[in-house]
């Protein structure tokens, strides 16, 4: 994880990363504790997903941070990321400069239109939701090498005629 990206986050999000590091936990371990997906939990840490009250209580318990006590110089986890919080989604520059993020960007540059064509052939005219969406990351071994398996599942939203 890039310190510069984390340093650009709200102080409450930075405190989540600090507590995660202090406990030596992975996003998968935290997700299992919360009953959530590890990608969703990482999105909460980066301020890209809106946590529920139960998520905040679970994070507090898991990370040993009281959700009602100040976790930053001036605010608590609940007062910073509670009911009133709405994420500003979309971090970073385009194109990304981080090597892994650039590979994901490159995948869309190279395979975006082929994937779009195949999706349209199977579903018709519409888009895949990034709101009603989930993602999984798996480590698999093929041909004697570790590989990354990404799975995206998004609700199909057909364009309406009016």
N, C-alpha and C. Protein backbone atom coordinates (compact mmCIF):
# COMPACT_ATOMS: atom_id res chain seq x y z
N UNK A 1 0.84 -1.17 0.00
CA UNK A 1 0.00 0.00 0.00
C UNK A 1 0.89 1.23 0.00
N UNK A 2 0.49 2.20 -0.75
CA UNK A 2 1.27 3.42 -0.92
C UNK A 2 1.03 4.38 0.24
N UNK A 3 2.11 4.78 0.90
CA UNK A 3 1.98 5.73 2.01
C UNK A 3 1.42 7.06 1.52
N UNK A 4 1.78 7.46 0.29
CA UNK A 4 1.29 8.75 -0.21
C UNK A 4 -0.22 8.73 -0.41
N UNK A 5 -0.76 7.61 -0.86
CA UNK A 5 -2.22 7.50 -1.02
C UNK A 5 -2.87 7.50 0.36
N UNK A 6 -2.35 6.72 1.27
CA UNK A 6 -2.93 6.66 2.62
C UNK A 6 -2.85 8.03 3.30
N UNK A 7 -1.74 8.73 3.12
CA UNK A 7 -1.59 10.06 3.73
C UNK A 7 -2.56 11.07 3.15
N UNK A 8 -3.09 10.81 1.96
CA UNK A 8 -4.05 11.74 1.35
C UNK A 8 -5.48 11.47 1.82
N UNK A 9 -5.69 10.37 2.54
CA UNK A 9 -7.03 10.01 3.02
C UNK A 9 -7.40 10.82 4.26
N UNK A 10 -8.68 10.81 4.58
CA UNK A 10 -9.16 11.44 5.81
C UNK A 10 -8.46 10.79 7.00
N UNK A 11 -8.28 11.54 8.07
CA UNK A 11 -7.54 11.04 9.23
C UNK A 11 -8.18 9.80 9.83
N UNK A 12 -9.50 9.68 9.78
CA UNK A 12 -10.15 8.47 10.31
C UNK A 12 -9.75 7.25 9.49
N UNK A 13 -9.64 7.41 8.16
CA UNK A 13 -9.22 6.30 7.32
C UNK A 13 -7.77 5.94 7.60
N UNK A 14 -6.95 6.95 7.79
CA UNK A 14 -5.55 6.70 8.14
C UNK A 14 -5.46 5.92 9.45
N UNK A 15 -6.33 6.26 10.40
CA UNK A 15 -6.31 5.56 11.70
C UNK A 15 -6.71 4.10 11.54
N UNK A 16 -7.60 3.80 10.59
CA UNK A 16 -7.96 2.40 10.33
C UNK A 16 -6.73 1.64 9.84
N UNK A 17 -5.98 2.22 8.91
CA UNK A 17 -4.76 1.57 8.41
C UNK A 17 -3.73 1.39 9.52
N UNK A 18 -3.59 2.39 10.38
CA UNK A 18 -2.64 2.29 11.50
C UNK A 18 -3.04 1.16 12.45
N UNK A 19 -4.32 1.06 12.76
CA UNK A 19 -4.80 0.00 13.66
C UNK A 19 -4.65 -1.37 13.00
N UNK A 20 -4.92 -1.45 11.71
CA UNK A 20 -4.76 -2.71 10.96
C UNK A 20 -3.30 -3.17 11.01
N UNK A 21 -2.38 -2.24 10.77
CA UNK A 21 -0.95 -2.57 10.80
C UNK A 21 -0.51 -2.97 12.21
N UNK A 22 -0.99 -2.25 13.21
CA UNK A 22 -0.61 -2.54 14.60
C UNK A 22 -1.07 -3.94 15.01
N UNK A 23 -2.23 -4.36 14.51
CA UNK A 23 -2.76 -5.69 14.84
C UNK A 23 -2.21 -6.77 13.92
N UNK A 24 -1.57 -6.37 12.81
CA UNK A 24 -1.02 -7.34 11.86
C UNK A 24 -2.11 -8.11 11.12
N UNK A 25 -3.23 -7.46 10.86
CA UNK A 25 -4.37 -8.12 10.21
C UNK A 25 -4.38 -7.88 8.71
N UNK A 26 -4.98 -8.83 7.99
CA UNK A 26 -5.22 -8.67 6.56
C UNK A 26 -6.66 -8.22 6.35
N UNK A 27 -6.95 -7.72 5.15
CA UNK A 27 -8.33 -7.36 4.84
C UNK A 27 -9.23 -8.59 4.91
N UNK A 28 -8.71 -9.75 4.52
CA UNK A 28 -9.50 -10.98 4.57
C UNK A 28 -9.87 -11.32 6.02
N UNK A 29 -8.94 -11.19 6.94
CA UNK A 29 -9.22 -11.48 8.35
C UNK A 29 -10.27 -10.52 8.91
N UNK A 30 -10.14 -9.25 8.58
CA UNK A 30 -11.11 -8.25 9.05
C UNK A 30 -12.47 -8.53 8.43
N UNK A 31 -12.48 -8.86 7.14
CA UNK A 31 -13.74 -9.14 6.43
C UNK A 31 -14.47 -10.32 7.05
N UNK A 32 -13.74 -11.37 7.37
CA UNK A 32 -14.37 -12.55 7.99
C UNK A 32 -14.97 -12.18 9.34
N UNK A 33 -14.28 -11.33 10.08
CA UNK A 33 -14.78 -10.88 11.37
C UNK A 33 -16.07 -10.06 11.22
N UNK A 34 -16.15 -9.29 10.13
CA UNK A 34 -17.32 -8.44 9.89
C UNK A 34 -18.43 -9.14 9.11
N UNK A 35 -18.12 -10.31 8.53
CA UNK A 35 -19.09 -10.98 7.66
C UNK A 35 -19.23 -10.27 6.32
N UNK A 36 -18.15 -9.68 5.86
CA UNK A 36 -18.12 -8.93 4.60
C UNK A 36 -17.07 -9.51 3.66
N UNK A 37 -17.03 -8.97 2.44
CA UNK A 37 -16.03 -9.34 1.44
C UNK A 37 -14.77 -8.49 1.66
N UNK A 38 -13.61 -9.08 1.44
CA UNK A 38 -12.35 -8.37 1.69
C UNK A 38 -12.17 -7.14 0.80
N UNK A 39 -12.68 -7.18 -0.43
CA UNK A 39 -12.57 -6.02 -1.32
C UNK A 39 -13.45 -4.88 -0.80
N UNK A 40 -14.64 -5.22 -0.30
CA UNK A 40 -15.52 -4.20 0.28
C UNK A 40 -14.86 -3.56 1.50
N UNK A 41 -14.27 -4.37 2.36
CA UNK A 41 -13.62 -3.84 3.56
C UNK A 41 -12.47 -2.92 3.16
N UNK A 42 -11.67 -3.33 2.18
CA UNK A 42 -10.58 -2.46 1.71
C UNK A 42 -11.14 -1.15 1.18
N UNK A 43 -12.28 -1.21 0.48
CA UNK A 43 -12.92 0.01 -0.03
C UNK A 43 -13.34 0.94 1.11
N UNK A 44 -13.81 0.37 2.22
CA UNK A 44 -14.15 1.18 3.39
C UNK A 44 -12.89 1.88 3.92
N UNK A 45 -11.79 1.14 4.03
CA UNK A 45 -10.55 1.72 4.53
C UNK A 45 -10.10 2.89 3.66
N UNK A 46 -10.26 2.75 2.34
CA UNK A 46 -9.85 3.80 1.41
C UNK A 46 -10.90 4.89 1.25
N UNK A 47 -12.01 4.79 1.98
CA UNK A 47 -13.04 5.82 1.90
C UNK A 47 -13.87 5.73 0.63
N UNK A 48 -13.88 4.56 0.00
CA UNK A 48 -14.59 4.38 -1.26
C UNK A 48 -15.91 3.65 -1.10
N UNK A 49 -16.24 3.24 0.12
CA UNK A 49 -17.52 2.57 0.41
C UNK A 49 -18.06 3.15 1.72
N UNK A 50 -19.37 3.17 1.84
CA UNK A 50 -20.04 3.72 3.02
C UNK A 50 -20.30 2.60 4.02
N UNK A 51 -19.62 2.62 5.17
CA UNK A 51 -19.85 1.57 6.16
C UNK A 51 -21.18 1.78 6.89
N UNK A 52 -21.79 0.66 7.28
CA UNK A 52 -22.99 0.73 8.11
C UNK A 52 -22.57 0.94 9.57
N UNK A 53 -23.54 1.22 10.41
CA UNK A 53 -23.28 1.35 11.85
C UNK A 53 -22.67 0.05 12.37
N UNK A 54 -23.21 -1.08 11.90
CA UNK A 54 -22.69 -2.38 12.32
C UNK A 54 -21.26 -2.59 11.84
N UNK A 55 -20.96 -2.12 10.61
CA UNK A 55 -19.59 -2.21 10.11
C UNK A 55 -18.64 -1.44 11.02
N UNK A 56 -19.03 -0.22 11.40
CA UNK A 56 -18.18 0.61 12.25
C UNK A 56 -17.99 -0.03 13.63
N UNK A 57 -19.07 -0.60 14.18
CA UNK A 57 -18.96 -1.29 15.46
C UNK A 57 -18.04 -2.50 15.34
N UNK A 58 -18.19 -3.26 14.24
CA UNK A 58 -17.33 -4.42 14.01
C UNK A 58 -15.88 -4.05 13.81
N UNK A 59 -15.64 -2.98 13.04
CA UNK A 59 -14.27 -2.50 12.85
C UNK A 59 -13.66 -2.08 14.18
N UNK A 60 -14.44 -1.38 14.97
CA UNK A 60 -13.96 -0.93 16.28
C UNK A 60 -13.54 -2.11 17.15
N UNK A 61 -14.38 -3.13 17.17
CA UNK A 61 -14.09 -4.32 17.98
C UNK A 61 -12.87 -5.07 17.43
N UNK A 62 -12.87 -5.29 16.13
CA UNK A 62 -11.79 -6.05 15.49
C UNK A 62 -10.44 -5.35 15.62
N UNK A 63 -10.44 -4.03 15.43
CA UNK A 63 -9.19 -3.27 15.44
C UNK A 63 -8.82 -2.72 16.82
N UNK A 64 -9.74 -2.87 17.78
CA UNK A 64 -9.48 -2.34 19.11
C UNK A 64 -9.55 -0.83 19.18
N UNK A 65 -10.42 -0.25 18.34
CA UNK A 65 -10.61 1.20 18.31
C UNK A 65 -12.06 1.46 18.69
N UNK A 66 -12.28 2.21 19.76
CA UNK A 66 -13.65 2.52 20.18
C UNK A 66 -14.28 3.46 19.16
N UNK A 67 -15.40 3.04 18.57
CA UNK A 67 -16.02 3.82 17.50
C UNK A 67 -16.62 5.13 17.98
N UNK A 68 -16.83 5.29 19.27
CA UNK A 68 -17.37 6.55 19.79
C UNK A 68 -16.30 7.44 20.42
N UNK A 69 -15.09 6.91 20.57
CA UNK A 69 -14.00 7.68 21.15
C UNK A 69 -13.18 8.27 20.01
N UNK A 70 -12.57 9.40 20.26
CA UNK A 70 -11.80 10.05 19.21
C UNK A 70 -10.71 9.13 18.69
N UNK A 71 -10.71 8.91 17.37
CA UNK A 71 -9.65 8.13 16.73
C UNK A 71 -8.69 9.06 16.00
N UNK A 72 -9.09 10.30 15.86
CA UNK A 72 -8.23 11.31 15.26
C UNK A 72 -8.07 12.42 16.27
N UNK A 73 -7.41 13.46 15.90
CA UNK A 73 -7.20 14.58 16.83
C UNK A 73 -8.51 15.23 17.23
N UNK A 74 -9.52 15.14 16.36
CA UNK A 74 -10.75 15.87 16.68
C UNK A 74 -12.04 15.09 16.51
N UNK A 75 -12.00 13.90 15.91
CA UNK A 75 -13.26 13.22 15.60
C UNK A 75 -13.20 11.73 15.89
N UNK A 76 -14.36 11.15 16.17
CA UNK A 76 -14.47 9.71 16.36
C UNK A 76 -14.76 9.04 15.03
N UNK A 77 -14.64 7.71 15.02
CA UNK A 77 -14.93 6.94 13.82
C UNK A 77 -16.37 7.16 13.37
N UNK A 78 -17.31 7.12 14.31
CA UNK A 78 -18.72 7.32 13.97
C UNK A 78 -18.98 8.73 13.47
N UNK A 79 -18.39 9.72 14.12
CA UNK A 79 -18.65 11.10 13.68
C UNK A 79 -18.00 11.40 12.34
N UNK A 80 -16.97 10.64 11.98
CA UNK A 80 -16.30 10.86 10.70
C UNK A 80 -16.91 10.01 9.59
N UNK A 81 -17.22 8.74 9.88
CA UNK A 81 -17.67 7.81 8.84
C UNK A 81 -19.07 7.27 9.10
N UNK A 82 -19.83 7.94 9.95
CA UNK A 82 -21.16 7.47 10.32
C UNK A 82 -22.23 7.77 9.29
N UNK A 83 -23.45 7.88 9.77
CA UNK A 83 -24.64 8.01 8.93
C UNK A 83 -24.56 9.16 7.93
N UNK A 84 -23.95 10.25 8.31
CA UNK A 84 -23.86 11.44 7.46
C UNK A 84 -22.79 11.33 6.37
N UNK A 85 -21.90 10.34 6.46
CA UNK A 85 -20.76 10.21 5.55
C UNK A 85 -21.19 9.64 4.20
N UNK A 86 -20.78 10.30 3.13
CA UNK A 86 -20.99 9.79 1.77
C UNK A 86 -19.66 9.88 1.04
N UNK A 87 -19.15 8.75 0.56
CA UNK A 87 -17.82 8.72 -0.06
C UNK A 87 -17.74 9.56 -1.34
N UNK A 88 -16.58 10.14 -1.53
CA UNK A 88 -16.23 10.71 -2.83
C UNK A 88 -15.43 9.63 -3.53
N UNK A 89 -16.09 8.93 -4.43
CA UNK A 89 -15.47 7.76 -5.04
C UNK A 89 -14.56 8.15 -6.20
N UNK A 90 -13.51 7.36 -6.35
CA UNK A 90 -12.55 7.56 -7.42
C UNK A 90 -11.28 8.21 -6.91
N UNK A 91 -10.28 7.40 -6.61
CA UNK A 91 -9.00 7.90 -6.11
C UNK A 91 -7.97 7.88 -7.22
N UNK A 92 -7.03 8.77 -7.14
CA UNK A 92 -5.85 8.69 -7.99
C UNK A 92 -5.96 9.40 -9.31
N UNK A 93 -4.84 9.38 -10.00
CA UNK A 93 -4.71 10.04 -11.29
C UNK A 93 -4.99 9.05 -12.42
N UNK A 94 -5.33 9.59 -13.59
CA UNK A 94 -5.54 8.76 -14.77
C UNK A 94 -4.59 9.23 -15.86
N UNK A 95 -3.81 8.37 -16.45
CA UNK A 95 -3.67 6.96 -16.09
C UNK A 95 -2.92 6.80 -14.77
N UNK A 96 -3.17 5.69 -14.09
CA UNK A 96 -2.51 5.47 -12.81
C UNK A 96 -1.00 5.32 -12.99
N UNK A 97 -0.25 5.70 -11.98
CA UNK A 97 1.21 5.55 -12.04
C UNK A 97 1.69 4.32 -11.28
N UNK A 98 0.88 3.79 -10.38
CA UNK A 98 1.23 2.55 -9.67
C UNK A 98 1.22 1.40 -10.67
N UNK A 99 2.24 0.55 -10.64
CA UNK A 99 2.39 -0.51 -11.63
C UNK A 99 1.19 -1.47 -11.67
N UNK A 100 0.72 -1.92 -10.52
CA UNK A 100 -0.41 -2.86 -10.51
C UNK A 100 -1.68 -2.18 -11.01
N UNK A 101 -1.94 -0.97 -10.54
CA UNK A 101 -3.13 -0.25 -11.02
C UNK A 101 -3.04 0.01 -12.52
N UNK A 102 -1.83 0.29 -13.00
CA UNK A 102 -1.68 0.52 -14.44
C UNK A 102 -1.98 -0.75 -15.22
N UNK A 103 -1.61 -1.92 -14.70
CA UNK A 103 -1.92 -3.19 -15.40
C UNK A 103 -3.43 -3.37 -15.51
N UNK A 104 -4.15 -3.03 -14.44
CA UNK A 104 -5.62 -3.12 -14.50
C UNK A 104 -6.17 -2.15 -15.53
N UNK A 105 -5.63 -0.95 -15.55
CA UNK A 105 -6.01 0.06 -16.54
C UNK A 105 -5.70 -0.45 -17.95
N UNK A 106 -4.52 -1.05 -18.12
CA UNK A 106 -4.09 -1.59 -19.41
C UNK A 106 -5.03 -2.72 -19.86
N UNK A 107 -5.48 -3.53 -18.93
CA UNK A 107 -6.43 -4.60 -19.28
C UNK A 107 -7.67 -3.99 -19.92
N UNK A 108 -8.17 -2.90 -19.35
CA UNK A 108 -9.36 -2.25 -19.92
C UNK A 108 -9.02 -1.62 -21.27
N UNK A 109 -7.83 -1.01 -21.40
CA UNK A 109 -7.43 -0.43 -22.68
C UNK A 109 -7.36 -1.49 -23.78
N UNK A 110 -6.80 -2.64 -23.46
CA UNK A 110 -6.60 -3.70 -24.46
C UNK A 110 -7.86 -4.53 -24.66
N UNK A 111 -8.51 -4.93 -23.57
CA UNK A 111 -9.63 -5.87 -23.66
C UNK A 111 -10.99 -5.23 -23.43
N UNK A 112 -11.03 -3.93 -23.16
CA UNK A 112 -12.30 -3.25 -22.87
C UNK A 112 -13.33 -3.41 -23.97
N UNK A 113 -12.98 -3.06 -25.20
CA UNK A 113 -13.94 -3.18 -26.29
C UNK A 113 -14.28 -4.63 -26.63
N UNK A 114 -13.31 -5.55 -26.62
CA UNK A 114 -13.69 -6.95 -26.81
C UNK A 114 -14.66 -7.45 -25.72
N UNK A 115 -14.40 -7.11 -24.45
CA UNK A 115 -15.31 -7.51 -23.38
C UNK A 115 -16.68 -6.87 -23.56
N UNK A 116 -16.70 -5.59 -23.91
CA UNK A 116 -17.96 -4.87 -24.15
C UNK A 116 -18.76 -5.55 -25.25
N UNK A 117 -18.10 -5.94 -26.33
CA UNK A 117 -18.80 -6.60 -27.44
C UNK A 117 -19.40 -7.94 -27.02
N UNK A 118 -18.63 -8.72 -26.29
CA UNK A 118 -19.13 -10.03 -25.84
C UNK A 118 -20.28 -9.83 -24.85
N UNK A 119 -20.15 -8.88 -23.95
CA UNK A 119 -21.23 -8.61 -22.99
C UNK A 119 -22.50 -8.19 -23.72
N UNK A 120 -22.38 -7.30 -24.71
CA UNK A 120 -23.56 -6.87 -25.47
C UNK A 120 -24.19 -8.03 -26.24
N UNK A 121 -23.36 -8.92 -26.79
CA UNK A 121 -23.90 -10.09 -27.49
C UNK A 121 -24.71 -10.97 -26.54
N UNK A 122 -24.27 -11.08 -25.30
CA UNK A 122 -24.96 -11.95 -24.34
C UNK A 122 -26.14 -11.28 -23.65
N UNK A 123 -26.08 -9.94 -23.44
CA UNK A 123 -27.09 -9.25 -22.64
C UNK A 123 -27.90 -8.21 -23.39
N UNK A 124 -27.41 -7.75 -24.52
CA UNK A 124 -28.10 -6.68 -25.25
C UNK A 124 -27.52 -5.33 -24.89
N UNK A 125 -28.29 -4.27 -25.15
CA UNK A 125 -27.83 -2.90 -24.95
C UNK A 125 -28.02 -2.50 -23.49
N UNK A 126 -26.94 -2.19 -22.80
CA UNK A 126 -27.01 -1.80 -21.41
C UNK A 126 -25.63 -1.68 -20.81
N UNK A 127 -25.59 -1.65 -19.48
CA UNK A 127 -24.32 -1.55 -18.76
C UNK A 127 -24.32 -2.47 -17.54
N UNK A 128 -23.11 -2.79 -17.08
CA UNK A 128 -22.95 -3.54 -15.84
C UNK A 128 -22.83 -2.53 -14.70
N UNK A 129 -23.60 -2.72 -13.68
CA UNK A 129 -23.59 -1.82 -12.53
C UNK A 129 -22.29 -1.94 -11.75
N UNK A 130 -21.78 -0.80 -11.31
CA UNK A 130 -20.68 -0.78 -10.35
C UNK A 130 -21.22 -0.40 -8.98
N UNK A 131 -22.56 -0.28 -8.89
CA UNK A 131 -23.21 0.02 -7.61
C UNK A 131 -23.74 -1.27 -7.01
N UNK A 132 -24.53 -2.03 -7.78
CA UNK A 132 -24.98 -3.36 -7.36
C UNK A 132 -23.91 -4.32 -7.87
N UNK A 133 -22.81 -4.42 -7.14
CA UNK A 133 -21.57 -5.00 -7.64
C UNK A 133 -20.81 -5.67 -6.51
N UNK A 134 -20.06 -6.68 -6.86
CA UNK A 134 -19.10 -7.26 -5.92
C UNK A 134 -17.89 -7.76 -6.70
N UNK A 135 -16.77 -7.85 -6.01
CA UNK A 135 -15.53 -8.31 -6.63
C UNK A 135 -14.84 -9.28 -5.69
N UNK A 136 -14.16 -10.24 -6.26
CA UNK A 136 -13.37 -11.20 -5.49
C UNK A 136 -11.98 -11.29 -6.07
N UNK A 137 -11.01 -11.52 -5.21
CA UNK A 137 -9.63 -11.74 -5.62
C UNK A 137 -9.22 -13.11 -5.09
N UNK A 138 -8.70 -13.93 -5.99
CA UNK A 138 -8.23 -15.26 -5.58
C UNK A 138 -6.81 -15.47 -6.06
N UNK A 139 -6.05 -16.23 -5.29
CA UNK A 139 -4.72 -16.66 -5.69
C UNK A 139 -4.88 -18.09 -6.20
N UNK A 140 -4.52 -18.31 -7.46
CA UNK A 140 -4.62 -19.65 -8.06
C UNK A 140 -3.26 -20.04 -8.62
N UNK A 141 -3.05 -21.34 -8.78
CA UNK A 141 -1.81 -21.82 -9.37
C UNK A 141 -2.15 -22.51 -10.68
N UNK A 142 -1.58 -22.01 -11.75
CA UNK A 142 -1.74 -22.61 -13.07
C UNK A 142 -0.37 -22.75 -13.69
N UNK A 143 -0.12 -23.91 -14.28
CA UNK A 143 1.14 -24.16 -14.97
C UNK A 143 2.33 -23.90 -14.06
N UNK A 144 2.18 -24.20 -12.77
CA UNK A 144 3.26 -24.05 -11.82
C UNK A 144 3.57 -22.63 -11.39
N UNK A 145 2.68 -21.68 -11.73
CA UNK A 145 2.92 -20.28 -11.37
C UNK A 145 1.72 -19.70 -10.64
N UNK A 146 1.99 -18.84 -9.67
CA UNK A 146 0.90 -18.13 -9.00
C UNK A 146 0.28 -17.13 -9.96
N UNK A 147 -1.05 -17.07 -9.94
CA UNK A 147 -1.79 -16.16 -10.80
C UNK A 147 -2.88 -15.48 -9.98
N UNK A 148 -3.30 -14.33 -10.47
CA UNK A 148 -4.37 -13.56 -9.85
C UNK A 148 -5.66 -13.85 -10.61
N UNK A 149 -6.70 -14.22 -9.88
CA UNK A 149 -8.02 -14.42 -10.50
C UNK A 149 -8.95 -13.35 -9.94
N UNK A 150 -9.39 -12.46 -10.82
CA UNK A 150 -10.33 -11.41 -10.45
C UNK A 150 -11.71 -11.79 -10.96
N UNK A 151 -12.71 -11.66 -10.12
CA UNK A 151 -14.09 -11.92 -10.51
C UNK A 151 -14.91 -10.67 -10.21
N UNK A 152 -15.59 -10.16 -11.22
CA UNK A 152 -16.49 -9.01 -11.07
C UNK A 152 -17.91 -9.49 -11.33
N UNK A 153 -18.82 -9.18 -10.45
CA UNK A 153 -20.23 -9.53 -10.63
C UNK A 153 -21.04 -8.25 -10.44
N UNK A 154 -21.62 -7.77 -11.53
CA UNK A 154 -22.42 -6.56 -11.48
C UNK A 154 -23.80 -6.79 -12.06
N UNK A 155 -24.80 -6.17 -11.49
CA UNK A 155 -26.17 -6.29 -11.99
C UNK A 155 -26.23 -5.72 -13.41
N UNK A 156 -26.98 -6.38 -14.29
CA UNK A 156 -27.16 -5.90 -15.65
C UNK A 156 -28.27 -4.85 -15.67
N UNK A 157 -27.97 -3.72 -16.26
CA UNK A 157 -28.93 -2.61 -16.36
C UNK A 157 -29.18 -2.29 -17.83
N UNK A 158 -30.28 -2.81 -18.39
CA UNK A 158 -30.56 -2.51 -19.80
C UNK A 158 -30.98 -1.05 -19.98
N UNK A 159 -30.57 -0.48 -21.11
CA UNK A 159 -31.03 0.88 -21.42
C UNK A 159 -32.51 0.83 -21.73
N UNK A 160 -33.25 1.79 -21.23
CA UNK A 160 -34.70 1.85 -21.45
C UNK A 160 -35.01 2.69 -22.67
N UNK A 161 -36.08 2.34 -23.31
CA UNK A 161 -36.60 3.12 -24.44
C UNK A 161 -37.71 4.00 -23.90
N UNK A 162 -37.76 5.22 -24.32
CA UNK A 162 -38.82 6.12 -23.87
C UNK A 162 -39.31 6.99 -24.99
